Amino acid sequence: MSRQLLDTDQKALEINLNERIYGTFAEIGAGQEVARIFFKVGAAAGTIAKTMSAYDKTFSDKIYGAEESGRYVCEKRLYKMLDHEYHLLHSRLQSRRPDDLFFVFADTIAALNYQRTVQGHGWLGLRFQMHKSGEPNDFVVHVKMLDNDTQQQQSAIGILGVNMIYAAYHYADDPDTLVESLMDGIRERVVIDLIRLTGPDFDTIDNRLICLRMVQKGLTDVTMFSADGQPLHASEFLYRKSLMVVRGHFRPPTLVTQDVFQISFSQFKASPEVNEKDAQLMAELTLEYLYDKDGIDDHDYLSRADMLCASGHKVIVSSCSNHVSLIQYLSEFKIANLGLVIGVRELRQLIADKFHEHQDGMLLSEFGQLFTKNLTVYAYPALADNLKNLITLDNMPVPQGIEFLVRFLIENELIVPVEKYNGDILTIIPHNVYQMIQQGEPGWEKYVPEDLGDIIRKKKLFGTFL
C-alpha cells in the first residue's frame, strides 16, 4: 500500500498540532533551518520548548565541552549536543508535563563556504520518546549536500530535519518507509550515507538491513557497518588512513576467503608506504553480487553479513558495480593508500570489459580513473575451469591490443600479485560449498573456517536442510 506523500510544511504542521510532542532544537553551523520551518507553519508553541544555536566555538565549548580534535562537524559533537539538551529538557519539564513525548533535534552542519573549499555535509540527530515516561530512542543521520548554492543547501537541511522528525513519529514500526521518506522533497539534492536507529523501540531492527535499504532505495551508493552490526561513517575512522577492500560474494566465506583476507592484508601492511598501525581492512558486498533471479533476499544478505561480522570484518554495502565509484567515494576522506583485492578471473573480466566498452579513444582515461596514484590492485590467483591449471597475474589472458597497458600497470606496481597464498585450497569453489549446504550434503564443513561452520549450523544459514 502506497503512502500519502506530504510536503514539508504539511509534515511540520501535523507535528505542531500534536499536543503531546514537545522538545528542543539545537542547530549549529547552518542556521536554524529546521526550527524555522516549524515556526513558519504556525502552532509552534505546542511543539518547541527551546531553540538555540551556538556559532562561536567558545560559547559552544562552554555548553557542550571542547573538541580535542578541533572538528565540530562530527558524530561525537552531535551526541554531546543530544546528551546535554535532552538532560536539560527532561530534568526541567518531566514533572510539569508528565504526559508529553519529549524530543531533542540537533544538527552540526558545514554548508558550502564562500571560498567553495567545503562542499557541505553534516550530522543530524533526533533523541525522542515514543511512550510517555519511556526511555528515548536515537535516530542519527549523516548527509552530504549536492546543491551548489549555500541557501539551497540550508533549505535541504531544513527539509531533511522535518522528514526525520515526521518519520520518527509515524514510521518507527516501518523501517523501509522511514528510510525512503527521508528523501521526500530533496532527492538528488542530498546523499544520506549513514542512518543509525537505536533505543527500545528499535530493538527488533537490524541496522545492517537499514544499510542495505539505503543503497537499494538510492539514498547513497556506499554505506558501512562495523563487526558488531552498527552503522559507521568513513569520516569517523578512515580519514587519512590506509584501507584494503576485499570485494566478494561471501556465500559462504570459505578457507580461500580467509586466506584472501589474511595474506593480502599482511602484504598490504608490509608495503613501505603503508603505516601498519593505521591500516584498515573491509569487506565489500555489492548489490550486483547480492542479486539473483528473484532479486535480493534479506535472509541471504544477513547470512553473508553474519559470516563477515563473525570474522571480525567491517563491511561496505555498495551499488558500485565498477570500482571507480567506490574509489571516488573514498577519495573524499583522503585515504592515504587504498588496496583492492581482486581474483585474477574478476580482474581479467574487468580489463576485458573496459577494453570492449571504451574503444572510442577513452580507454586510457577510463583506466586513469581506476588506477589513481594511491591505489594498488592485488590479484589473487585461481585455478582454471579444469581445476588443474593455475592462473596468476603473469599468465592471465587479456584482449589483444591492451597487453601493453596491462604490462605497464604491472611493471609500475599498480597491479601486484598476492604472494604467499595457500595453493592447496584453491580447488574450493564457494558456489559448490553453497550448494552442498543448500542440499544438506555432508562434508561442507571442511571447506569453511571451523568457527563459521558452527555458526552456519546453529543459525541454519544459507539453507533450511541442515
Protein backbone atom coordinates (compact mmCIF):
# COMPACT_ATOMS: atom_id res chain seq x y z
CA MET A 1 0.00 0.00 0.00
CA SER A 2 1.48 3.34 -1.09
CA ARG A 3 1.83 6.08 1.49
CA GLN A 4 0.41 9.56 1.15
CA LEU A 5 3.15 12.00 0.21
CA LEU A 6 3.03 15.18 2.27
CA ASP A 7 5.03 18.30 1.57
CA THR A 8 7.41 19.68 4.18
CA ASP A 9 5.04 22.28 5.59
CA GLN A 10 2.26 19.72 6.00
CA LYS A 11 4.57 17.42 7.93
CA ALA A 12 5.74 20.22 10.21
CA LEU A 13 2.21 21.44 10.86
CA GLU A 14 1.00 17.93 11.68
CA ILE A 15 3.78 17.64 14.27
CA ASN A 16 2.94 21.08 15.68
CA LEU A 17 -0.71 20.12 16.05
CA ASN A 18 0.15 17.00 18.03
CA GLU A 19 -0.22 18.27 21.59
CA ARG A 20 1.97 15.56 23.11
CA ILE A 21 5.18 16.07 21.07
CA TYR A 22 7.37 18.68 22.75
CA GLY A 23 11.07 19.43 22.60
CA THR A 24 14.23 21.37 21.81
CA PHE A 25 16.02 22.34 18.61
CA ALA A 26 19.79 22.87 18.81
CA GLU A 27 21.40 23.69 15.47
CA ILE A 28 24.93 24.86 14.79
CA GLY A 29 26.73 25.59 11.57
CA ALA A 30 23.98 26.27 9.02
CA GLY A 31 21.33 28.29 10.86
CA GLN A 32 18.05 27.39 12.48
CA GLU A 33 16.83 25.81 9.28
CA VAL A 34 14.76 23.01 10.78
CA ALA A 35 13.25 25.06 13.61
CA ARG A 36 12.44 27.84 11.13
CA ILE A 37 10.06 25.58 9.23
CA PHE A 38 8.17 24.65 12.38
CA PHE A 39 7.86 28.33 13.31
CA LYS A 40 6.79 29.27 9.78
CA VAL A 41 3.83 26.87 9.54
CA GLY A 42 2.24 28.05 12.80
CA ALA A 43 1.23 26.46 16.11
CA ALA A 44 4.90 26.03 17.03
CA ALA A 45 4.25 26.94 20.67
CA GLY A 46 2.78 23.49 21.13
CA THR A 47 5.96 21.80 19.91
CA ILE A 48 9.01 23.92 20.68
CA ALA A 49 10.28 24.33 24.22
CA LYS A 50 13.53 25.98 23.14
CA THR A 51 15.67 26.71 20.11
CA MET A 52 19.33 27.60 20.36
CA SER A 53 22.41 27.98 18.23
CA ALA A 54 25.98 28.45 19.43
CA TYR A 55 28.03 29.50 16.39
CA ASP A 56 31.02 30.80 18.33
CA LYS A 57 33.30 27.91 19.30
CA THR A 58 33.98 29.34 22.74
CA PHE A 59 30.27 29.52 23.54
CA SER A 60 29.75 26.09 22.04
CA ASP A 61 32.58 24.62 24.11
CA LYS A 62 31.14 26.11 27.31
CA ILE A 63 27.83 24.41 26.59
CA TYR A 64 28.86 21.07 25.12
CA GLY A 65 32.53 20.75 26.01
CA ALA A 66 35.65 21.25 23.92
CA GLU A 67 36.58 19.04 20.97
CA GLU A 68 40.18 17.90 21.26
CA SER A 69 40.26 17.01 17.57
CA GLY A 70 39.16 20.52 16.59
CA ARG A 71 36.37 19.00 14.48
CA TYR A 72 32.91 20.33 15.26
CA VAL A 73 31.01 18.74 12.39
CA CYS A 74 31.36 15.18 13.59
CA GLU A 75 29.40 12.36 15.15
CA LYS A 76 30.92 12.88 18.58
CA ARG A 77 29.79 16.51 18.67
CA LEU A 78 26.26 15.54 17.71
CA TYR A 79 25.95 13.07 20.57
CA LYS A 80 27.28 15.66 23.04
CA MET A 81 24.53 18.00 21.91
CA LEU A 82 21.85 15.33 22.22
CA ASP A 83 23.06 14.30 25.68
CA HIS A 84 23.21 17.84 27.04
CA GLU A 85 19.93 19.11 25.61
CA TYR A 86 17.89 16.02 26.42
CA HIS A 87 19.11 16.03 30.02
CA LEU A 88 18.07 19.68 30.39
CA LEU A 89 14.70 19.13 28.74
CA HIS A 90 13.81 16.04 30.74
CA SER A 91 15.06 17.30 34.11
CA ARG A 92 13.26 20.64 33.81
CA LEU A 93 9.95 19.60 32.29
CA GLN A 94 9.25 15.96 33.10
CA SER A 95 7.39 16.71 36.34
CA ARG A 96 5.40 19.56 34.76
CA ARG A 97 4.49 17.70 31.54
CA PRO A 98 4.33 14.02 32.53
CA ASP A 99 2.19 13.01 29.54
CA ASP A 100 4.37 14.61 26.86
CA LEU A 101 6.66 12.80 24.44
CA PHE A 102 9.96 14.68 24.68
CA PHE A 103 12.41 15.08 21.84
CA VAL A 104 15.64 16.88 21.05
CA PHE A 105 16.61 17.59 17.48
CA ALA A 106 20.26 18.57 16.96
CA ASP A 107 22.47 19.13 13.95
CA THR A 108 26.01 20.28 13.26
CA ILE A 109 26.45 21.32 9.64
CA ALA A 110 29.24 22.60 7.39
CA ALA A 111 27.48 24.19 4.42
CA LEU A 112 29.16 25.29 1.20
CA ASN A 113 31.54 28.07 2.21
CA TYR A 114 32.28 31.32 0.45
CA GLN A 115 35.59 30.06 -0.95
CA ARG A 116 33.85 26.80 -2.05
CA THR A 117 36.53 24.69 -0.38
CA VAL A 118 33.86 22.85 1.63
CA GLN A 119 31.15 21.10 -0.41
CA GLY A 120 28.76 20.72 2.51
CA HIS A 121 27.91 17.89 4.87
CA GLY A 122 26.61 17.38 8.36
CA TRP A 123 25.30 15.23 11.19
CA LEU A 124 21.66 15.33 12.25
CA GLY A 125 20.21 13.54 15.25
CA LEU A 126 16.89 13.08 16.99
CA ARG A 127 16.50 11.75 20.53
CA PHE A 128 12.83 11.07 21.14
CA GLN A 129 10.29 9.22 23.25
CA MET A 130 7.58 7.08 21.70
CA HIS A 131 5.82 6.39 25.02
CA LYS A 132 5.32 8.73 27.96
CA SER A 133 7.99 8.30 30.65
CA GLY A 134 9.68 5.77 28.35
CA GLU A 135 13.38 5.63 27.56
CA PRO A 136 14.29 7.63 24.44
CA ASN A 137 15.46 6.39 21.06
CA ASP A 138 18.21 7.84 18.88
CA PHE A 139 17.85 8.47 15.16
CA VAL A 140 21.13 9.69 13.63
CA VAL A 141 21.89 10.61 10.01
CA HIS A 142 24.94 11.79 8.07
CA VAL A 143 24.22 13.82 4.95
CA LYS A 144 26.23 15.23 2.07
CA MET A 145 24.66 18.18 0.25
CA LEU A 146 24.84 18.35 -3.54
CA ASP A 147 23.40 21.82 -4.25
CA ASN A 148 25.94 24.40 -5.44
CA ASP A 149 24.29 27.22 -3.54
CA THR A 150 24.57 27.81 0.21
CA GLN A 151 20.93 28.81 0.66
CA GLN A 152 19.78 25.77 -1.26
CA GLN A 153 21.92 23.55 0.97
CA GLN A 154 20.44 25.16 4.06
CA SER A 155 16.97 24.61 2.65
CA ALA A 156 17.74 20.93 2.06
CA ILE A 157 18.86 20.55 5.68
CA GLY A 158 15.59 22.09 6.85
CA ILE A 159 13.56 19.65 4.78
CA LEU A 160 15.62 16.68 5.91
CA GLY A 161 15.20 17.62 9.56
CA VAL A 162 11.42 17.81 9.19
CA ASN A 163 11.44 14.47 7.35
CA MET A 164 13.38 12.89 10.21
CA ILE A 165 11.03 14.11 12.94
CA TYR A 166 7.94 13.14 10.98
CA ALA A 167 9.34 9.70 10.13
CA ALA A 168 10.31 9.04 13.76
CA TYR A 169 6.75 9.55 15.00
CA HIS A 170 4.93 7.99 12.03
CA TYR A 171 7.14 5.27 10.55
CA ALA A 172 9.12 3.89 13.50
CA ASP A 173 7.47 0.49 13.02
CA ASP A 174 8.06 0.51 9.25
CA PRO A 175 11.83 0.90 8.62
CA ASP A 176 11.51 0.68 4.82
CA THR A 177 9.13 3.64 4.70
CA LEU A 178 11.16 5.51 7.30
CA VAL A 179 14.28 5.24 5.13
CA GLU A 180 12.52 6.10 1.90
CA SER A 181 10.66 9.10 3.36
CA LEU A 182 13.88 10.87 4.30
CA MET A 183 14.33 11.81 0.64
CA ASP A 184 10.89 13.43 0.30
CA GLY A 185 11.41 16.74 -1.47
CA ILE A 186 15.20 16.50 -1.63
CA ARG A 187 16.00 13.51 -3.85
CA GLU A 188 19.08 14.26 -5.99
CA ARG A 189 19.89 17.19 -3.69
CA VAL A 190 21.50 15.17 -0.90
CA VAL A 191 23.25 11.88 -0.26
CA ILE A 192 22.44 10.14 3.03
CA ASP A 193 25.20 7.64 3.74
CA LEU A 194 24.54 6.77 7.39
CA ILE A 195 21.36 6.05 9.30
CA ARG A 196 21.53 4.68 12.84
CA LEU A 197 18.41 3.66 14.78
CA THR A 198 18.88 2.67 18.42
CA GLY A 199 16.70 2.51 21.52
CA PRO A 200 13.87 0.45 23.00
CA ASP A 201 11.51 0.99 20.07
CA PHE A 202 14.14 -0.15 17.57
CA ASP A 203 15.31 -3.28 19.39
CA THR A 204 13.97 -5.54 16.65
CA ILE A 205 15.53 -3.53 13.81
CA ASP A 206 18.79 -4.79 12.30
CA ASN A 207 20.81 -1.74 11.28
CA ARG A 208 22.58 -3.88 8.67
CA LEU A 209 19.24 -4.16 6.86
CA ILE A 210 18.88 -0.38 7.10
CA CYS A 211 22.26 -0.11 5.34
CA LEU A 212 21.00 -2.36 2.55
CA ARG A 213 17.77 -0.38 2.17
CA MET A 214 19.70 2.89 1.91
CA VAL A 215 21.60 1.58 -1.10
CA GLN A 216 18.57 -0.15 -2.64
CA LYS A 217 16.43 2.98 -2.38
CA GLY A 218 19.11 5.27 -3.79
CA LEU A 219 19.95 7.33 -0.70
CA THR A 220 23.64 6.56 -1.28
CA ASP A 221 25.97 4.40 -3.35
CA VAL A 222 28.06 3.42 -0.33
CA THR A 223 27.36 2.78 3.33
CA MET A 224 29.18 0.83 6.03
CA PHE A 225 28.70 -1.13 9.24
CA SER A 226 31.04 -2.45 11.93
CA ALA A 227 31.72 -6.02 13.01
CA ASP A 228 29.04 -5.60 15.71
CA GLY A 229 26.50 -4.58 13.08
CA GLN A 230 26.38 -0.85 13.85
CA PRO A 231 26.49 1.77 11.06
CA LEU A 232 29.82 3.52 10.50
CA HIS A 233 30.86 6.58 8.58
CA ALA A 234 34.19 6.77 6.79
CA SER A 235 34.90 10.27 8.13
CA GLU A 236 34.95 8.91 11.67
CA PHE A 237 37.53 6.14 11.21
CA LEU A 238 39.13 6.25 7.74
CA TYR A 239 40.26 9.87 7.39
CA ARG A 240 43.84 9.81 6.08
CA LYS A 241 44.18 6.13 6.96
CA SER A 242 45.17 3.26 4.65
CA LEU A 243 42.44 0.86 3.58
CA MET A 244 42.27 -2.53 1.90
CA VAL A 245 38.93 -3.63 0.44
CA VAL A 246 38.05 -7.22 -0.44
CA ARG A 247 35.02 -7.50 -2.73
CA GLY A 248 33.27 -10.85 -2.93
CA HIS A 249 30.08 -12.88 -2.81
CA PHE A 250 30.91 -14.38 0.62
CA ARG A 251 28.24 -17.06 0.15
CA PRO A 252 29.71 -18.59 2.23
CA PRO A 253 33.19 -17.37 3.20
CA THR A 254 35.45 -20.40 2.69
CA LEU A 255 39.00 -21.26 3.66
CA VAL A 256 40.04 -19.48 0.46
CA THR A 257 38.20 -16.36 1.60
CA GLN A 258 40.02 -16.49 4.92
CA ASP A 259 43.34 -16.82 3.08
CA VAL A 260 42.50 -13.89 0.80
CA PHE A 261 41.85 -11.62 3.79
CA GLN A 262 44.83 -12.69 5.88
CA ILE A 263 47.53 -12.96 3.23
CA SER A 264 46.51 -9.92 1.20
CA PHE A 265 46.22 -7.68 4.26
CA SER A 266 49.58 -8.80 5.59
CA GLN A 267 51.15 -7.97 2.24
CA PHE A 268 49.37 -4.61 2.17
CA LYS A 269 50.56 -3.65 5.66
CA ALA A 270 54.12 -4.63 4.74
CA SER A 271 54.17 -2.06 1.94
CA PRO A 272 56.69 0.70 2.77
CA GLU A 273 54.15 3.47 2.13
CA VAL A 274 51.53 1.98 4.49
CA ASN A 275 51.51 2.79 8.20
CA GLU A 276 50.63 -0.60 9.68
CA LYS A 277 49.03 0.94 12.79
CA ASP A 278 46.60 2.99 10.69
CA ALA A 279 45.72 0.26 8.18
CA GLN A 280 42.09 -0.88 7.96
CA LEU A 281 40.55 -3.93 6.29
CA MET A 282 36.96 -4.07 5.00
CA ALA A 283 34.78 -6.50 3.06
CA GLU A 284 32.52 -5.15 0.32
CA LEU A 285 29.11 -6.55 -0.60
CA THR A 286 27.70 -5.06 -3.79
CA LEU A 287 24.07 -5.17 -4.91
CA GLU A 288 25.28 -6.86 -8.09
CA TYR A 289 26.67 -9.78 -6.06
CA LEU A 290 23.53 -9.94 -3.89
CA TYR A 291 21.03 -10.17 -6.75
CA ASP A 292 19.80 -13.49 -8.05
CA LYS A 293 16.90 -14.32 -10.36
CA ASP A 294 14.40 -13.44 -7.61
CA GLY A 295 16.06 -10.17 -6.58
CA ILE A 296 17.78 -9.65 -3.23
CA ASP A 297 16.80 -11.94 -0.39
CA ASP A 298 17.14 -10.31 3.04
CA HIS A 299 17.85 -13.62 4.77
CA ASP A 300 20.62 -14.42 2.29
CA TYR A 301 22.12 -10.94 2.75
CA LEU A 302 22.03 -11.23 6.54
CA SER A 303 23.60 -14.69 6.35
CA ARG A 304 26.57 -13.22 4.50
CA ALA A 305 26.69 -10.27 6.89
CA ASP A 306 26.64 -12.66 9.87
CA MET A 307 29.63 -14.51 8.44
CA LEU A 308 31.64 -11.34 7.84
CA CYS A 309 30.79 -9.88 11.24
CA ALA A 310 31.70 -13.15 12.97
CA SER A 311 35.06 -12.96 11.18
CA GLY A 312 35.61 -9.51 12.73
CA HIS A 313 35.30 -7.55 9.48
CA LYS A 314 33.83 -4.13 8.90
CA VAL A 315 31.57 -4.23 5.85
CA ILE A 316 30.86 -1.90 2.92
CA VAL A 317 27.46 -2.22 1.22
CA SER A 318 27.51 -0.57 -2.19
CA SER A 319 25.89 -0.25 -5.57
CA CYS A 320 29.31 0.21 -7.14
CA SER A 321 29.34 -2.40 -9.87
CA ASN A 322 32.61 -0.89 -11.02
CA HIS A 323 35.42 0.01 -8.66
CA VAL A 324 35.66 3.60 -9.93
CA SER A 325 32.55 4.68 -8.00
CA LEU A 326 33.91 3.25 -4.74
CA ILE A 327 37.30 4.90 -5.32
CA GLN A 328 35.63 8.26 -5.94
CA TYR A 329 33.56 7.93 -2.77
CA LEU A 330 36.60 7.06 -0.65
CA SER A 331 38.70 9.86 -2.16
CA GLU A 332 36.65 12.38 -0.17
CA PHE A 333 38.24 11.05 3.02
CA LYS A 334 41.80 11.43 1.75
CA ILE A 335 42.61 7.73 2.06
CA ALA A 336 46.40 7.58 2.26
CA ASN A 337 46.73 4.24 0.48
CA LEU A 338 43.98 2.10 -0.99
CA GLY A 339 44.32 -1.57 -1.79
CA LEU A 340 41.71 -3.54 -3.74
CA VAL A 341 41.87 -7.33 -3.73
CA ILE A 342 40.55 -8.89 -6.93
CA GLY A 343 40.66 -12.51 -8.04
CA VAL A 344 42.52 -12.95 -11.34
CA ARG A 345 39.32 -14.12 -13.01
CA GLU A 346 37.49 -10.96 -11.96
CA LEU A 347 40.49 -8.81 -12.87
CA ARG A 348 40.65 -10.37 -16.33
CA GLN A 349 36.93 -9.69 -16.81
CA LEU A 350 37.28 -6.11 -15.54
CA ILE A 351 40.07 -5.39 -18.01
CA ALA A 352 38.22 -7.06 -20.89
CA ASP A 353 35.01 -5.16 -20.14
CA LYS A 354 36.76 -1.81 -20.07
CA PHE A 355 38.60 -2.64 -23.30
CA HIS A 356 35.40 -3.52 -25.16
CA GLU A 357 33.39 -0.63 -23.71
CA HIS A 358 35.97 2.06 -24.46
CA GLN A 359 37.32 1.51 -27.93
CA ASP A 360 36.42 5.10 -28.71
CA GLY A 361 39.67 6.62 -27.56
CA MET A 362 38.58 6.89 -23.90
CA LEU A 363 40.31 3.71 -22.73
CA LEU A 364 43.30 5.46 -21.15
CA SER A 365 41.00 7.95 -19.42
CA GLU A 366 38.89 5.11 -18.00
CA PHE A 367 41.92 3.29 -16.65
CA GLY A 368 43.25 6.57 -15.32
CA GLN A 369 40.14 6.95 -13.16
CA LEU A 370 40.60 3.43 -11.79
CA PHE A 371 44.33 3.42 -11.17
CA THR A 372 44.88 6.53 -9.08
CA LYS A 373 48.24 7.38 -7.59
CA ASN A 374 47.43 5.88 -4.18
CA LEU A 375 45.69 2.71 -5.42
CA THR A 376 47.18 -0.76 -5.71
CA VAL A 377 45.22 -3.73 -7.05
CA TYR A 378 46.18 -7.07 -5.50
CA ALA A 379 45.50 -10.02 -7.82
CA TYR A 380 44.74 -13.29 -6.05
CA PRO A 381 45.40 -16.43 -8.17
CA ALA A 382 42.79 -19.01 -9.14
CA LEU A 383 42.54 -22.34 -10.91
CA ALA A 384 41.24 -22.61 -14.46
CA ASP A 385 37.93 -24.33 -15.15
CA ASN A 386 39.69 -27.70 -15.28
CA LEU A 387 40.81 -27.14 -11.65
CA LYS A 388 44.35 -28.02 -12.70
CA ASN A 389 45.99 -25.08 -14.44
CA LEU A 390 46.89 -22.13 -12.23
CA ILE A 391 46.02 -18.62 -13.43
CA THR A 392 48.24 -15.90 -12.00
CA LEU A 393 48.95 -12.31 -12.86
CA ASP A 394 51.86 -13.48 -15.03
CA ASN A 395 49.81 -15.73 -17.33
CA MET A 396 46.40 -14.05 -17.08
CA PRO A 397 44.99 -13.74 -20.64
CA VAL A 398 43.94 -10.26 -21.73
CA PRO A 399 42.49 -8.98 -25.03
CA GLN A 400 44.92 -8.24 -27.83
CA GLY A 401 45.55 -4.55 -28.11
CA ILE A 402 45.64 -3.90 -24.37
CA GLU A 403 48.60 -6.05 -23.34
CA PHE A 404 50.88 -3.02 -23.34
CA LEU A 405 48.68 -1.17 -20.85
CA VAL A 406 48.35 -4.17 -18.52
CA ARG A 407 52.12 -4.70 -18.65
CA PHE A 408 52.63 -1.00 -17.82
CA LEU A 409 50.34 -1.30 -14.78
CA ILE A 410 52.16 -4.41 -13.57
CA GLU A 411 55.66 -3.00 -14.12
CA ASN A 412 54.72 0.13 -12.18
CA GLU A 413 53.24 -1.99 -9.36
CA LEU A 414 49.75 -0.59 -9.75
CA ILE A 415 48.72 -4.22 -10.08
CA VAL A 416 50.66 -6.70 -7.96
CA PRO A 417 50.28 -10.45 -7.36
CA VAL A 418 49.18 -11.69 -3.96
CA GLU A 419 52.12 -13.64 -2.61
CA LYS A 420 52.41 -16.49 -0.08
CA TYR A 421 48.88 -17.71 -0.83
CA ASN A 422 47.82 -21.25 0.05
CA GLY A 423 47.72 -23.08 -3.26
CA ASP A 424 46.45 -26.29 -1.66
CA ILE A 425 42.96 -24.85 -1.09
CA LEU A 426 42.33 -23.26 -4.49
CA THR A 427 40.17 -26.23 -5.50
CA ILE A 428 37.49 -24.98 -3.08
CA ILE A 429 34.71 -23.36 -5.12
CA PRO A 430 32.37 -21.23 -2.91
CA HIS A 431 29.31 -21.85 -5.08
CA ASN A 432 29.81 -25.61 -4.78
CA VAL A 433 30.05 -25.29 -1.00
CA TYR A 434 26.88 -23.19 -1.00
CA GLN A 435 25.07 -25.87 -2.99
CA MET A 436 26.23 -28.53 -0.53
CA ILE A 437 24.80 -26.52 2.38
CA GLN A 438 21.54 -25.85 0.49
CA GLN A 439 21.05 -29.51 -0.30
CA GLY A 440 22.10 -30.82 3.10
CA GLU A 441 25.04 -32.68 1.59
CA PRO A 442 27.57 -33.74 4.27
CA GLY A 443 31.19 -32.67 4.22
CA TRP A 444 30.82 -28.95 3.51
CA GLU A 445 32.23 -28.12 6.95
CA LYS A 446 35.80 -28.94 5.91
CA TYR A 447 35.74 -26.12 3.34
CA VAL A 448 34.89 -23.27 5.73
CA PRO A 449 36.63 -21.98 8.88
CA GLU A 450 35.58 -24.07 11.87
CA ASP A 451 34.02 -21.21 13.83
CA LEU A 452 31.95 -20.14 10.82
CA GLY A 453 30.79 -23.70 10.27
CA ASP A 454 29.45 -23.77 13.82
CA ILE A 455 27.52 -20.54 13.20
CA ILE A 456 26.09 -21.81 9.91
CA ARG A 457 24.77 -24.93 11.65
CA LYS A 458 23.46 -23.12 14.70
CA LYS A 459 21.64 -20.36 12.78
CA LYS A 460 20.80 -22.53 9.76
CA LEU A 461 22.31 -20.01 7.40
CA PHE A 462 22.26 -20.37 3.61
CA GLY A 463 19.66 -23.15 3.71
CA THR A 464 16.97 -24.97 5.61
CA PHE A 465 18.20 -28.54 5.34
CA LEU A 466 20.98 -28.53 7.94
